[in-house]
Amino acid sequence: MSEKTLHQQLSEAIGAGESLLVPKIFEALADENEAKILMAAAPPATVDEISEKTGLPSEDIEKMLDPLFRKGLIFMSKKKGPTRYYRVRNVGQFHDATAVALDASREMLDLWKEYMETEWSEYLKQVEAVIPQPVMRVVPVNLSIDSKAQILAFEDVKSIVEGAKSIAVTKCSCRVIDGKCGKPVEVCIQVNRAADYAIQRGTGRELSVEEAIDMLKMCEEEGLVHVSDNRKAVGHVICNCCNDCCLNWPSVRTGLKKFVAPSRFEALVDAESCSGCETCLEACFFEAISMEGEDETAVVDPEKCMGCGVCIVTCPTEAISLKEVRAPDFVPE
């Protein structure tokens, strides 16, 4: 058996050892010496420690670190003492960080597109087999919630941005790679540390609270679904996901819902107000709505509904609301 290349070793290190395409993506982004630095940057290491591991001069490493940072391959930790550097840790992070790089090549993006079409679903199954709880969660639109339900700050996109210390917007990595849906691209909202990172890299622009709220409203009108980190504290990102390009939905469409958790709400149709126009059928990503009965009114399948509320935005008769159906269940901090 031939010895694995550095790029194959990097793929293995982020959980994609069987992938045919991830090593090619690493090759498109990092030469041999850069790959050596990435391999040495786990656990997090200083420049001198990386130099000792790789045999490369410290001054050469320092010159390569900023380009690696801007390409989305390496990150910085400045908690205590000298700055430590650590490489990208998993396929999802690798995808999101590299796709939005300012000088991302079409060659690299096309490799990512092929990966998402041919290998992502299998990788996702492996992730779902070991994660204790979903990584992401759907966050509902806040237009029509059952009055009995209390909307908690960490499940309300408006509260998330209002409570953030810093906010930025980046391009959606999935639509940069594909974009066949034609939906807006610069709509991935970063908060706090993620916002600071995006601004420092040059991949994000700063937003005010008002600008972020306006962007969220626009995303709802465009029929995009809010998805955030699955934790109680304010998360690092609010994705605004489309139906076609987004990496979050393969698990949902197989009925697993293990990578992305539904919100704790469910769409509810007032049959008397429903006009049977079928607008909600077109809006729903998850085929959770059908027309039934003599009057052909909308009916929601609770097994499929993710509680996003996008159907509410499009309903011309305001016949749909969100009702609370489950207790909050998020990853503890």
Foldseek 3Di string as FASTA:
>chain_A
DDDDALLLVVCVQQPNNVDPLSSVLVVVQDDRVRSLLQVQCPVWDALVSSCVSRVDDSVVVVVVVLSCLLQQFKDWDPPDDGITIHGDRHDVSNLFRRLLRPPRDLVSLQSVVVCLVPPLVVSVVVVLVPDPFAFKEFAAADDFEDPVDDDALQRYVLSLLVPFPWKKWAFGSQCSSPVPVVDDTGQKMFGDPLRVSCVVSVRIDTDHSVRNVVSVVVLLLVLWTWMFGQERHRGGITDGHDLPRDSQPPCLQVLNCGNYAADQKFKDFDQVQFQLPCQLCVSDSFNQWFFDDPNRGIDGNVSNTRNHHSSCSRGPRSGMHIYGHDDRDGDYD
